[in-house]
Amino acid sequence: MAAFVYDLVIGDDWTLALGLAAAVVVTVAISRTTFPSWWVLPTAILALLPLSVLRTARHRA
């Protein structure tokens, strides 16, 4: 079970998992203020997903 969870969360790109975890932490920190925090996760995904795809494409080429 632990191997399944590790592979599901970390997968092949640990930097993507780390970036999303950091985005969740930033979202929680901002949500405790009066500043809106809804934009943090979509922005992180828009930034991290292309980087992950490019990294994978270069690795497989």
Protein backbone atom coordinates (compact mmCIF):
# COMPACT_ATOMS: atom_id res chain seq x y z
CA MET A 1 0.00 0.00 0.00
CA ALA A 2 2.82 2.42 0.84
CA ALA A 3 4.48 1.80 -2.53
CA PHE A 4 1.19 2.52 -4.29
CA VAL A 5 0.68 5.81 -2.43
CA TYR A 6 4.30 6.83 -3.05
CA ASP A 7 3.97 6.10 -6.78
CA LEU A 8 0.61 7.89 -6.95
CA VAL A 9 1.78 11.06 -5.19
CA ILE A 10 5.40 11.29 -6.29
CA GLY A 11 5.22 9.36 -9.55
CA ASP A 12 7.96 10.02 -12.05
CA ASP A 13 8.31 13.74 -11.35
CA TRP A 14 9.06 14.54 -7.72
CA THR A 15 9.58 18.21 -8.55
CA LEU A 16 5.95 18.51 -9.61
CA ALA A 17 4.79 16.95 -6.34
CA LEU A 18 7.08 19.25 -4.36
CA GLY A 19 5.88 22.32 -6.24
CA LEU A 20 2.24 21.45 -5.67
CA ALA A 21 2.87 20.78 -1.98
CA ALA A 22 4.51 24.19 -1.72
CA ALA A 23 1.53 25.75 -3.49
CA VAL A 24 -0.83 24.14 -0.98
CA VAL A 25 1.25 25.53 1.89
CA VAL A 26 1.21 29.00 0.33
CA THR A 27 -2.55 28.74 -0.23
CA VAL A 28 -3.12 27.86 3.42
CA ALA A 29 -0.87 30.69 4.57
CA ILE A 30 -2.62 33.25 2.36
CA SER A 31 -6.08 31.97 3.30
CA ARG A 32 -5.40 32.97 6.89
CA THR A 33 -5.17 36.60 5.79
CA THR A 34 -7.78 38.83 4.19
CA PHE A 35 -6.13 38.43 0.78
CA PRO A 36 -7.94 36.01 -1.59
CA SER A 37 -6.04 32.76 -2.05
CA TRP A 38 -8.09 31.00 -4.73
CA TRP A 39 -5.61 31.90 -7.47
CA VAL A 40 -2.53 30.22 -6.00
CA LEU A 41 -3.22 26.60 -6.97
CA PRO A 42 -4.41 27.30 -10.54
CA THR A 43 -1.37 29.51 -11.08
CA ALA A 44 0.94 26.84 -9.71
CA ILE A 45 -0.60 24.22 -11.98
CA LEU A 46 -0.34 26.49 -15.01
CA ALA A 47 3.34 27.06 -14.21
CA LEU A 48 4.34 23.54 -13.17
CA LEU A 49 2.51 21.40 -15.73
CA PRO A 50 4.31 22.73 -18.83
CA LEU A 51 7.64 22.40 -17.03
CA SER A 52 6.87 18.79 -16.18
CA VAL A 53 5.80 18.00 -19.74
CA LEU A 54 8.95 19.59 -21.17
CA ARG A 55 11.15 17.73 -18.70
CA THR A 56 9.50 14.43 -19.61
CA ALA A 57 9.71 15.14 -23.35
CA ARG A 58 13.43 15.91 -23.11
CA HIS A 59 14.05 12.83 -21.00
CA ARG A 60 12.33 10.50 -23.46
CA ALA A 61 13.87 12.01 -26.59
